[in-house]
């Protein structure tokens, strides 16, 4: 999976950088949002807790997707602005604990 940043804007009103990018996943399954977020965090050299991947929209018939992400300046700004369902889909699932018999 390769990520190419096509646009990056500083939004001073919301204290965040807004990023549009392409994800190329030739020969692979459509990547999960969490995997795209991890790769984007490494590429931008940001903190995982301040980065939110809003959406990843695959192109029909192509191994390519258009995505939109936001990198906030502070965790307070992120929690104040982002909705609960966006934060939930950007959080990794906790590992399931084995039930005792």
PDB file of N, CA and C in Angstrom:
ATOM      1  N   UNK A   1       0.849  -1.182   0.000  1.00  0.00           N
ATOM      2  CA  UNK A   1       0.000   0.000   0.000  1.00  0.00           C
ATOM      3  C   UNK A   1       0.894   1.244   0.000  1.00  0.00           C
ATOM      4  N   UNK A   2       0.643   2.099  -0.954  1.00  0.00           N
ATOM      5  CA  UNK A   2       1.377   3.359  -1.061  1.00  0.00           C
ATOM      6  C   UNK A   2       0.406   4.528  -0.903  1.00  0.00           C
ATOM      7  N   UNK A   3       0.850   5.569  -0.200  1.00  0.00           N
ATOM      8  CA  UNK A   3       0.026   6.766  -0.018  1.00  0.00           C
ATOM      9  C   UNK A   3       0.715   7.947  -0.674  1.00  0.00           C
ATOM     10  N   UNK A   4      -0.055   8.682  -1.480  1.00  0.00           N
ATOM     11  CA  UNK A   4       0.441   9.883  -2.148  1.00  0.00           C
ATOM     12  C   UNK A   4      -0.417  11.068  -1.702  1.00  0.00           C
ATOM     13  N   UNK A   5       0.209  12.046  -1.061  1.00  0.00           N
ATOM     14  CA  UNK A   5      -0.517  13.237  -0.611  1.00  0.00           C
ATOM     15  C   UNK A   5      -0.700  14.160  -1.803  1.00  0.00           C
ATOM     16  N   UNK A   6      -1.965  14.549  -2.051  1.00  0.00           N
ATOM     17  CA  UNK A   6      -2.235  15.402  -3.205  1.00  0.00           C
ATOM     18  C   UNK A   6      -2.565  16.838  -2.795  1.00  0.00           C
ATOM     19  N   UNK A   7      -2.980  17.030  -1.547  1.00  0.00           N
ATOM     20  CA  UNK A   7      -3.306  18.376  -1.092  1.00  0.00           C
ATOM     21  C   UNK A   7      -3.193  18.441   0.421  1.00  0.00           C
ATOM     22  N   UNK A   8      -2.635  19.540   0.923  1.00  0.00           N
ATOM     23  CA  UNK A   8      -2.515  19.738   2.363  1.00  0.00           C
ATOM     24  C   UNK A   8      -2.788  21.198   2.668  1.00  0.00           C
ATOM     25  N   UNK A   9      -3.776  21.440   3.526  1.00  0.00           N
ATOM     26  CA  UNK A   9      -4.160  22.801   3.884  1.00  0.00           C
ATOM     27  C   UNK A   9      -4.155  22.974   5.389  1.00  0.00           C
ATOM     28  N   UNK A  10      -3.748  24.149   5.863  1.00  0.00           N
ATOM     29  CA  UNK A  10      -3.808  24.484   7.275  1.00  0.00           C
ATOM     30  C   UNK A  10      -5.123  25.209   7.524  1.00  0.00           C
ATOM     31  N   UNK A  11      -5.975  24.653   8.379  1.00  0.00           N
ATOM     32  CA  UNK A  11      -7.241  25.275   8.748  1.00  0.00           C
ATOM     33  C   UNK A  11      -7.050  25.908  10.123  1.00  0.00           C
ATOM     34  N   UNK A  12      -6.857  27.216  10.156  1.00  0.00           N
ATOM     35  CA  UNK A  12      -6.577  27.915  11.413  1.00  0.00           C
ATOM     36  C   UNK A  12      -7.796  28.013  12.316  1.00  0.00           C
ATOM     37  N   UNK A  13      -8.986  27.997  11.730  1.00  0.00           N
ATOM     38  CA  UNK A  13     -10.212  28.081  12.521  1.00  0.00           C
ATOM     39  C   UNK A  13     -10.348  26.855  13.434  1.00  0.00           C
ATOM     40  N   UNK A  14     -10.064  25.669  12.888  1.00  0.00           N
ATOM     41  CA  UNK A  14     -10.195  24.430  13.652  1.00  0.00           C
ATOM     42  C   UNK A  14      -8.862  23.907  14.198  1.00  0.00           C
ATOM     43  N   UNK A  15      -7.782  24.653  14.013  1.00  0.00           N
ATOM     44  CA  UNK A  15      -6.452  24.249  14.498  1.00  0.00           C
ATOM     45  C   UNK A  15      -6.060  22.854  14.020  1.00  0.00           C
ATOM     46  N   UNK A  16      -6.109  22.678  12.695  1.00  0.00           N
ATOM     47  CA  UNK A  16      -5.766  21.371  12.140  1.00  0.00           C
ATOM     48  C   UNK A  16      -5.222  21.517  10.722  1.00  0.00           C
ATOM     49  N   UNK A  17      -4.516  20.470  10.279  1.00  0.00           N
ATOM     50  CA  UNK A  17      -4.113  20.332   8.880  1.00  0.00           C
ATOM     51  C   UNK A  17      -5.087  19.374   8.234  1.00  0.00           C
ATOM     52  N   UNK A  18      -5.555  19.728   7.042  1.00  0.00           N
ATOM     53  CA  UNK A  18      -6.476  18.875   6.304  1.00  0.00           C
ATOM     54  C   UNK A  18      -5.734  18.300   5.109  1.00  0.00           C
ATOM     55  N   UNK A  19      -5.787  16.985   4.969  1.00  0.00           N
ATOM     56  CA  UNK A  19      -4.977  16.292   3.975  1.00  0.00           C
ATOM     57  C   UNK A  19      -5.855  15.446   3.068  1.00  0.00           C
ATOM     58  N   UNK A  20      -5.673  15.600   1.756  1.00  0.00           N
ATOM     59  CA  UNK A  20      -6.309  14.731   0.769  1.00  0.00           C
ATOM     60  C   UNK A  20      -5.204  13.856   0.190  1.00  0.00           C
ATOM     61  N   UNK A  21      -5.500  12.584   0.013  1.00  0.00           N
ATOM     62  CA  UNK A  21      -4.467  11.652  -0.433  1.00  0.00           C
ATOM     63  C   UNK A  21      -5.065  10.529  -1.267  1.00  0.00           C
ATOM     64  N   UNK A  22      -4.194   9.910  -2.051  1.00  0.00           N
ATOM     65  CA  UNK A  22      -4.538   8.692  -2.790  1.00  0.00           C
ATOM     66  C   UNK A  22      -3.854   7.517  -2.116  1.00  0.00           C
ATOM     67  N   UNK A  23      -4.568   6.404  -2.048  1.00  0.00           N
ATOM     68  CA  UNK A  23      -4.010   5.147  -1.558  1.00  0.00           C
ATOM     69  C   UNK A  23      -3.979   4.200  -2.747  1.00  0.00           C
ATOM     70  N   UNK A  24      -2.798   3.690  -3.064  1.00  0.00           N
ATOM     71  CA  UNK A  24      -2.639   2.728  -4.157  1.00  0.00           C
ATOM     72  C   UNK A  24      -2.373   1.366  -3.515  1.00  0.00           C
ATOM     73  N   UNK A  25      -3.260   0.405  -3.780  1.00  0.00           N
ATOM     74  CA  UNK A  25      -3.117  -0.918  -3.166  1.00  0.00           C
ATOM     75  C   UNK A  25      -3.159  -2.024  -4.217  1.00  0.00           C
ATOM     76  N   UNK A  26      -2.363  -1.844  -5.254  1.00  0.00           N
ATOM     77  CA  UNK A  26      -2.254  -2.814  -6.350  1.00  0.00           C
ATOM     78  C   UNK A  26      -1.909  -4.192  -5.801  1.00  0.00           C
ATOM     79  N   UNK A  27      -2.723  -5.198  -6.150  1.00  0.00           N
ATOM     80  CA  UNK A  27      -2.450  -6.571  -5.750  1.00  0.00           C
ATOM     81  C   UNK A  27      -2.808  -6.894  -4.315  1.00  0.00           C
ATOM     82  N   UNK A  28      -3.485  -5.988  -3.626  1.00  0.00           N
ATOM     83  CA  UNK A  28      -3.867  -6.195  -2.229  1.00  0.00           C
ATOM     84  C   UNK A  28      -5.365  -5.986  -2.083  1.00  0.00           C
ATOM     85  N   UNK A  29      -5.899  -6.391  -0.942  1.00  0.00           N
ATOM     86  CA  UNK A  29      -7.303  -6.113  -0.643  1.00  0.00           C
ATOM     87  C   UNK A  29      -7.440  -4.633  -0.297  1.00  0.00           C
ATOM     88  N   UNK A  30      -8.652  -4.113  -0.378  1.00  0.00           N
ATOM     89  CA  UNK A  30      -8.885  -2.718   0.004  1.00  0.00           C
ATOM     90  C   UNK A  30      -8.444  -2.548   1.450  1.00  0.00           C
ATOM     91  N   UNK A  31      -7.565  -1.587   1.721  1.00  0.00           N
ATOM     92  CA  UNK A  31      -7.022  -1.444   3.078  1.00  0.00           C
ATOM     93  C   UNK A  31      -8.072  -0.960   4.079  1.00  0.00           C
ATOM     94  N   UNK A  32      -7.910  -1.385   5.319  1.00  0.00           N
ATOM     95  CA  UNK A  32      -8.788  -0.943   6.395  1.00  0.00           C
ATOM     96  C   UNK A  32      -8.393   0.474   6.799  1.00  0.00           C
ATOM     97  N   UNK A  33      -9.366   1.205   7.323  1.00  0.00           N
ATOM     98  CA  UNK A  33      -9.144   2.596   7.720  1.00  0.00           C
ATOM     99  C   UNK A  33      -8.014   2.699   8.749  1.00  0.00           C
ATOM    100  N   UNK A  34      -7.955   1.769   9.682  1.00  0.00           N
ATOM    101  CA  UNK A  34      -6.914   1.780  10.715  1.00  0.00           C
ATOM    102  C   UNK A  34      -5.521   1.606  10.096  1.00  0.00           C
ATOM    103  N   UNK A  35      -5.408   0.752   9.074  1.00  0.00           N
ATOM    104  CA  UNK A  35      -4.126   0.543   8.403  1.00  0.00           C
ATOM    105  C   UNK A  35      -3.696   1.796   7.636  1.00  0.00           C
ATOM    106  N   UNK A  36      -4.662   2.450   6.995  1.00  0.00           N
ATOM    107  CA  UNK A  36      -4.366   3.691   6.277  1.00  0.00           C
ATOM    108  C   UNK A  36      -3.901   4.754   7.272  1.00  0.00           C
ATOM    109  N   UNK A  37      -4.570   4.831   8.421  1.00  0.00           N
ATOM    110  CA  UNK A  37      -4.208   5.807   9.449  1.00  0.00           C
ATOM    111  C   UNK A  37      -2.774   5.577   9.941  1.00  0.00           C
ATOM    112  N   UNK A  38      -2.416   4.326  10.203  1.00  0.00           N
ATOM    113  CA  UNK A  38      -1.067   4.003  10.690  1.00  0.00           C
ATOM    114  C   UNK A  38      -0.010   4.427   9.667  1.00  0.00           C
ATOM    115  N   UNK A  39      -0.264   4.145   8.399  1.00  0.00           N
ATOM    116  CA  UNK A  39       0.689   4.504   7.342  1.00  0.00           C
ATOM    117  C   UNK A  39       0.779   6.026   7.188  1.00  0.00           C
ATOM    118  N   UNK A  40      -0.341   6.708   7.302  1.00  0.00           N
ATOM    119  CA  UNK A  40      -0.390   8.162   7.184  1.00  0.00           C
ATOM    120  C   UNK A  40       0.337   8.834   8.349  1.00  0.00           C
ATOM    121  N   UNK A  41       0.160   8.303   9.553  1.00  0.00           N
ATOM    122  CA  UNK A  41       0.845   8.839  10.731  1.00  0.00           C
ATOM    123  C   UNK A  41       2.366   8.744  10.544  1.00  0.00           C
ATOM    124  N   UNK A  42       2.831   7.613  10.041  1.00  0.00           N
ATOM    125  CA  UNK A  42       4.263   7.428   9.796  1.00  0.00           C
ATOM    126  C   UNK A  42       4.764   8.359   8.690  1.00  0.00           C
ATOM    127  N   UNK A  43       3.975   8.504   7.634  1.00  0.00           N
ATOM    128  CA  UNK A  43       4.362   9.347   6.505  1.00  0.00           C
ATOM    129  C   UNK A  43       4.441  10.821   6.890  1.00  0.00           C
ATOM    130  N   UNK A  44       3.483  11.281   7.690  1.00  0.00           N
ATOM    131  CA  UNK A  44       3.431  12.694   8.083  1.00  0.00           C
ATOM    132  C   UNK A  44       4.234  12.991   9.346  1.00  0.00           C
ATOM    133  N   UNK A  45       4.711  11.941  10.010  1.00  0.00           N
ATOM    134  CA  UNK A  45       5.460  12.077  11.258  1.00  0.00           C
ATOM    135  C   UNK A  45       4.633  12.836  12.302  1.00  0.00           C
ATOM    136  N   UNK A  46       3.401  12.357  12.518  1.00  0.00           N
ATOM    137  CA  UNK A  46       2.500  12.962  13.493  1.00  0.00           C
ATOM    138  C   UNK A  46       2.164  11.947  14.569  1.00  0.00           C
ATOM    139  N   UNK A  47       1.352  12.365  15.520  1.00  0.00           N
ATOM    140  CA  UNK A  47       0.925  11.467  16.591  1.00  0.00           C
ATOM    141  C   UNK A  47      -0.390  10.791  16.219  1.00  0.00           C
ATOM    142  N   UNK A  48      -0.492   9.518  16.546  1.00  0.00           N
ATOM    143  CA  UNK A  48      -1.681   8.734  16.226  1.00  0.00           C
ATOM    144  C   UNK A  48      -2.933   9.325  16.875  1.00  0.00           C
ATOM    145  N   UNK A  49      -2.802   9.835  18.101  1.00  0.00           N
ATOM    146  CA  UNK A  49      -3.939  10.386  18.829  1.00  0.00           C
ATOM    147  C   UNK A  49      -4.461  11.693  18.278  1.00  0.00           C
ATOM    148  N   UNK A  50      -3.683  12.377  17.451  1.00  0.00           N
ATOM    149  CA  UNK A  50      -4.096  13.664  16.885  1.00  0.00           C
ATOM    150  C   UNK A  50      -4.548  13.539  15.435  1.00  0.00           C
ATOM    151  N   UNK A  51      -4.499  12.337  14.880  1.00  0.00           N
ATOM    152  CA  UNK A  51      -4.820  12.108  13.473  1.00  0.00           C
ATOM    153  C   UNK A  51      -6.161  11.390  13.347  1.00  0.00           C
ATOM    154  N   UNK A  52      -7.001  11.891  12.445  1.00  0.00           N
ATOM    155  CA  UNK A  52      -8.310  11.294  12.184  1.00  0.00           C
ATOM    156  C   UNK A  52      -8.450  11.101  10.676  1.00  0.00           C
ATOM    157  N   UNK A  53      -8.673   9.858  10.255  1.00  0.00           N
ATOM    158  CA  UNK A  53      -8.967   9.595   8.850  1.00  0.00           C
ATOM    159  C   UNK A  53     -10.484   9.663   8.716  1.00  0.00           C
ATOM    160  N   UNK A  54     -10.947  10.642   7.982  1.00  0.00           N
ATOM    161  CA  UNK A  54     -12.383  10.883   7.846  1.00  0.00           C
ATOM    162  C   UNK A  54     -13.026   9.851   6.927  1.00  0.00           C
ATOM    163  N   UNK A  55     -12.421   9.630   5.752  1.00  0.00           N
ATOM    164  CA  UNK A  55     -12.965   8.635   4.838  1.00  0.00           C
ATOM    165  C   UNK A  55     -11.914   8.180   3.838  1.00  0.00           C
ATOM    166  N   UNK A  56     -12.158   6.984   3.291  1.00  0.00           N
ATOM    167  CA  UNK A  56     -11.345   6.413   2.219  1.00  0.00           C
ATOM    168  C   UNK A  56     -12.342   5.844   1.216  1.00  0.00           C
ATOM    169  N   UNK A  57     -12.375   6.423   0.012  1.00  0.00           N
ATOM    170  CA  UNK A  57     -13.356   6.042  -0.995  1.00  0.00           C
ATOM    171  C   UNK A  57     -12.659   5.347  -2.164  1.00  0.00           C
ATOM    172  N   UNK A  58     -12.848   4.027  -2.278  1.00  0.00           N
ATOM    173  CA  UNK A  58     -12.234   3.297  -3.393  1.00  0.00           C
ATOM    174  C   UNK A  58     -12.810   3.731  -4.745  1.00  0.00           C
ATOM    175  N   UNK A  59     -11.964   3.736  -5.769  1.00  0.00           N
ATOM    176  CA  UNK A  59     -12.398   4.001  -7.139  1.00  0.00           C
ATOM    177  C   UNK A  59     -12.925   2.694  -7.709  1.00  0.00           C
ATOM    178  N   UNK A  60     -14.017   2.768  -8.417  1.00  0.00           N
ATOM    179  CA  UNK A  60     -14.628   1.566  -8.981  1.00  0.00           C
ATOM    180  C   UNK A  60     -13.707   0.940 -10.028  1.00  0.00           C
ATOM    181  N   UNK A  61     -13.383  -0.327  -9.834  1.00  0.00           N
ATOM    182  CA  UNK A  61     -12.597  -1.070 -10.806  1.00  0.00           C
ATOM    183  C   UNK A  61     -11.111  -0.788 -10.786  1.00  0.00           C
ATOM    184  N   UNK A  62     -10.640  -0.004  -9.847  1.00  0.00           N
ATOM    185  CA  UNK A  62      -9.211   0.314  -9.761  1.00  0.00           C
ATOM    186  C   UNK A  62      -8.715   0.019  -8.350  1.00  0.00           C
ATOM    187  N   UNK A  63      -7.459  -0.370  -8.215  1.00  0.00           N
ATOM    188  CA  UNK A  63      -6.903  -0.578  -6.876  1.00  0.00           C
ATOM    189  C   UNK A  63      -6.382   0.744  -6.304  1.00  0.00           C
ATOM    190  N   UNK A  64      -7.259   1.735  -6.260  1.00  0.00           N
ATOM    191  CA  UNK A  64      -6.880   3.069  -5.816  1.00  0.00           C
ATOM    192  C   UNK A  64      -8.054   3.674  -5.057  1.00  0.00           C
ATOM    193  N   UNK A  65      -7.770   4.472  -4.039  1.00  0.00           N
ATOM    194  CA  UNK A  65      -8.820   5.117  -3.258  1.00  0.00           C
ATOM    195  C   UNK A  65      -8.410   6.547  -2.936  1.00  0.00           C
ATOM    196  N   UNK A  66      -9.411   7.411  -2.822  1.00  0.00           N
ATOM    197  CA  UNK A  66      -9.204   8.801  -2.434  1.00  0.00           C
ATOM    198  C   UNK A  66      -9.563   8.926  -0.963  1.00  0.00           C
ATOM    199  N   UNK A  67      -8.701   9.576  -0.194  1.00  0.00           N
ATOM    200  CA  UNK A  67      -8.955   9.702   1.235  1.00  0.00           C
ATOM    201  C   UNK A  67      -8.839  11.122   1.727  1.00  0.00           C
ATOM    202  N   UNK A  68      -9.409  11.354   2.912  1.00  0.00           N
ATOM    203  CA  UNK A  68      -9.379  12.662   3.551  1.00  0.00           C
ATOM    204  C   UNK A  68      -9.072  12.457   5.024  1.00  0.00           C
ATOM    205  N   UNK A  69      -8.063  13.169   5.522  1.00  0.00           N
ATOM    206  CA  UNK A  69      -7.663  13.042   6.922  1.00  0.00           C
ATOM    207  C   UNK A  69      -7.431  14.416   7.524  1.00  0.00           C
ATOM    208  N   UNK A  70      -7.460  14.457   8.867  1.00  0.00           N
ATOM    209  CA  UNK A  70      -7.237  15.700   9.590  1.00  0.00           C
ATOM    210  C   UNK A  70      -6.237  15.439  10.711  1.00  0.00           C
ATOM    211  N   UNK A  71      -5.276  16.353  10.861  1.00  0.00           N
ATOM    212  CA  UNK A  71      -4.294  16.253  11.937  1.00  0.00           C
ATOM    213  C   UNK A  71      -4.464  17.485  12.812  1.00  0.00           C
ATOM    214  N   UNK A  72      -4.912  17.270  14.036  1.00  0.00           N
ATOM    215  CA  UNK A  72      -5.191  18.370  14.960  1.00  0.00           C
ATOM    216  C   UNK A  72      -3.935  18.799  15.716  1.00  0.00           C
ATOM    217  N   UNK A  73      -3.951  20.071  16.167  1.00  0.00           N
ATOM    218  CA  UNK A  73      -2.839  20.603  16.957  1.00  0.00           C
ATOM    219  C   UNK A  73      -2.881  20.077  18.389  1.00  0.00           C
ATOM    220  N   UNK A  74      -4.087  19.935  18.954  1.00  0.00           N
ATOM    221  CA  UNK A  74      -4.226  19.454  20.332  1.00  0.00           C
ATOM    222  C   UNK A  74      -5.339  18.416  20.419  1.00  0.00           C
ATOM    223  N   UNK A  75      -5.266  17.571  21.433  1.00  0.00           N
ATOM    224  CA  UNK A  75      -6.290  16.554  21.660  1.00  0.00           C
ATOM    225  C   UNK A  75      -7.616  17.206  22.048  1.00  0.00           C
ATOM    226  N   UNK A  76      -7.558  18.362  22.716  1.00  0.00           N
ATOM    227  CA  UNK A  76      -8.771  19.075  23.110  1.00  0.00           C
ATOM    228  C   UNK A  76      -9.554  19.537  21.882  1.00  0.00           C
ATOM    229  N   UNK A  77      -8.852  20.060  20.877  1.00  0.00           N
ATOM    230  CA  UNK A  77      -9.510  20.477  19.635  1.00  0.00           C
ATOM    231  C   UNK A  77     -10.160  19.281  18.947  1.00  0.00           C
ATOM    232  N   UNK A  78      -9.442  18.175  18.896  1.00  0.00           N
ATOM    233  CA  UNK A  78      -9.958  16.964  18.252  1.00  0.00           C
ATOM    234  C   UNK A  78     -11.238  16.489  18.940  1.00  0.00           C
ATOM    235  N   UNK A  79     -11.225  16.399  20.257  1.00  0.00           N
ATOM    236  CA  UNK A  79     -12.382  15.894  20.992  1.00  0.00           C
ATOM    237  C   UNK A  79     -13.568  16.855  20.914  1.00  0.00           C
ATOM    238  N   UNK A  80     -13.311  18.152  20.819  1.00  0.00           N
ATOM    239  CA  UNK A  80     -14.381  19.138  20.748  1.00  0.00           C
ATOM    240  C   UNK A  80     -15.071  19.137  19.381  1.00  0.00           C
ATOM    241  N   UNK A  81     -14.295  18.922  18.312  1.00  0.00           N
ATOM    242  CA  UNK A  81     -14.809  19.069  16.950  1.00  0.00           C
ATOM    243  C   UNK A  81     -15.337  17.763  16.362  1.00  0.00           C
ATOM    244  N   UNK A  82     -14.623  16.675  16.535  1.00  0.00           N
ATOM    245  CA  UNK A  82     -14.983  15.416  15.875  1.00  0.00           C
ATOM    246  C   UNK A  82     -16.183  14.737  16.538  1.00  0.00           C
ATOM    247  N   UNK A  83     -16.998  14.087  15.710  1.00  0.00           N
ATOM    248  CA  UNK A  83     -18.159  13.364  16.224  1.00  0.00           C
ATOM    249  C   UNK A  83     -17.729  12.011  16.790  1.00  0.00           C
ATOM    250  N   UNK A  84     -18.589  11.444  17.628  1.00  0.00           N
ATOM    251  CA  UNK A  84     -18.255  10.180  18.301  1.00  0.00           C
ATOM    252  C   UNK A  84     -18.055   9.035  17.310  1.00  0.00           C
ATOM    253  N   UNK A  85     -18.871   8.980  16.242  1.00  0.00           N
ATOM    254  CA  UNK A  85     -18.728   7.851  15.318  1.00  0.00           C
ATOM    255  C   UNK A  85     -17.438   7.940  14.507  1.00  0.00           C
ATOM    256  N   UNK A  86     -16.967   9.142  14.217  1.00  0.00           N
ATOM    257  CA  UNK A  86     -15.679   9.288  13.512  1.00  0.00           C
ATOM    258  C   UNK A  86     -14.544   8.859  14.440  1.00  0.00           C
ATOM    259  N   UNK A  87     -14.606   9.258  15.701  1.00  0.00           N
ATOM    260  CA  UNK A  87     -13.577   8.850  16.663  1.00  0.00           C
ATOM    261  C   UNK A  87     -13.603   7.341  16.870  1.00  0.00           C
ATOM    262  N   UNK A  88     -14.799   6.754  16.894  1.00  0.00           N
ATOM    263  CA  UNK A  88     -14.918   5.306  17.098  1.00  0.00           C
ATOM    264  C   UNK A  88     -14.307   4.522  15.946  1.00  0.00           C
ATOM    265  N   UNK A  89     -14.532   4.964  14.712  1.00  0.00           N
ATOM    266  CA  UNK A  89     -13.975   4.200  13.584  1.00  0.00           C
ATOM    267  C   UNK A  89     -12.476   4.427  13.418  1.00  0.00           C
ATOM    268  N   UNK A  90     -11.910   5.421  14.124  1.00  0.00           N
ATOM    269  CA  UNK A  90     -10.476   5.666  14.095  1.00  0.00           C
ATOM    270  C   UNK A  90      -9.754   5.047  15.287  1.00  0.00           C
ATOM    271  N   UNK A  91     -10.478   4.272  16.084  1.00  0.00           N
ATOM    272  CA  UNK A  91      -9.904   3.620  17.257  1.00  0.00           C
ATOM    273  C   UNK A  91      -9.773   2.137  16.979  1.00  0.00           C
ATOM    274  N   UNK A  92      -8.607   1.598  17.314  1.00  0.00           N
ATOM    275  CA  UNK A  92      -8.394   0.170  17.122  1.00  0.00           C
ATOM    276  C   UNK A  92      -9.240  -0.609  18.115  1.00  0.00           C
ATOM    277  N   UNK A  93      -9.756  -1.724  17.680  1.00  0.00           N
ATOM    278  CA  UNK A  93     -10.557  -2.577  18.545  1.00  0.00           C
ATOM    279  C   UNK A  93      -9.669  -3.176  19.626  1.00  0.00           C
ATOM    280  N   UNK A  94     -10.201  -3.218  20.839  1.00  0.00           N
ATOM    281  CA  UNK A  94      -9.457  -3.827  21.947  1.00  0.00           C
ATOM    282  C   UNK A  94      -9.406  -5.336  21.736  1.00  0.00           C
ATOM    283  N   UNK A  95      -8.294  -5.957  22.071  1.00  0.00           N
ATOM    284  CA  UNK A  95      -8.218  -7.399  21.899  1.00  0.00           C
ATOM    285  C   UNK A  95      -9.249  -8.107  22.802  1.00  0.00           C
ATOM    286  N   UNK A  96      -9.878  -9.118  22.251  1.00  0.00           N
ATOM    287  CA  UNK A  96     -10.901  -9.858  22.993  1.00  0.00           C
ATOM    288  C   UNK A  96     -10.243 -10.675  24.090  1.00  0.00           C
ATOM    289  N   UNK A  97     -10.845 -10.623  25.276  1.00  0.00           N
ATOM    290  CA  UNK A  97     -10.318 -11.403  26.392  1.00  0.00           C
ATOM    291  C   UNK A  97     -10.991 -12.769  26.420  1.00  0.00           C
ATOM    292  N   UNK A  98     -10.228 -13.790  26.733  1.00  0.00           N
ATOM    293  CA  UNK A  98     -10.789 -15.135  26.814  1.00  0.00           C
ATOM    294  C   UNK A  98     -11.682 -15.245  28.040  1.00  0.00           C
ATOM    295  N   UNK A  99     -12.843 -15.821  27.853  1.00  0.00           N
ATOM    296  CA  UNK A  99     -13.755 -16.008  28.980  1.00  0.00           C
ATOM    297  C   UNK A  99     -13.338 -17.234  29.768  1.00  0.00           C
ATOM    298  N   UNK A 100     -13.466 -17.108  31.088  1.00  0.00           N
ATOM    299  CA  UNK A 100     -13.128 -18.248  31.944  1.00  0.00           C
ATOM    300  C   UNK A 100     -14.315 -19.185  32.003  1.00  0.00           C
ATOM    301  N   UNK A 101     -14.021 -20.476  32.061  1.00  0.00           N
ATOM    302  CA  UNK A 101     -15.100 -21.467  32.110  1.00  0.00           C
ATOM    303  C   UNK A 101     -15.359 -21.884  33.523  1.00  0.00           C
TER     304      UNK A 101
END
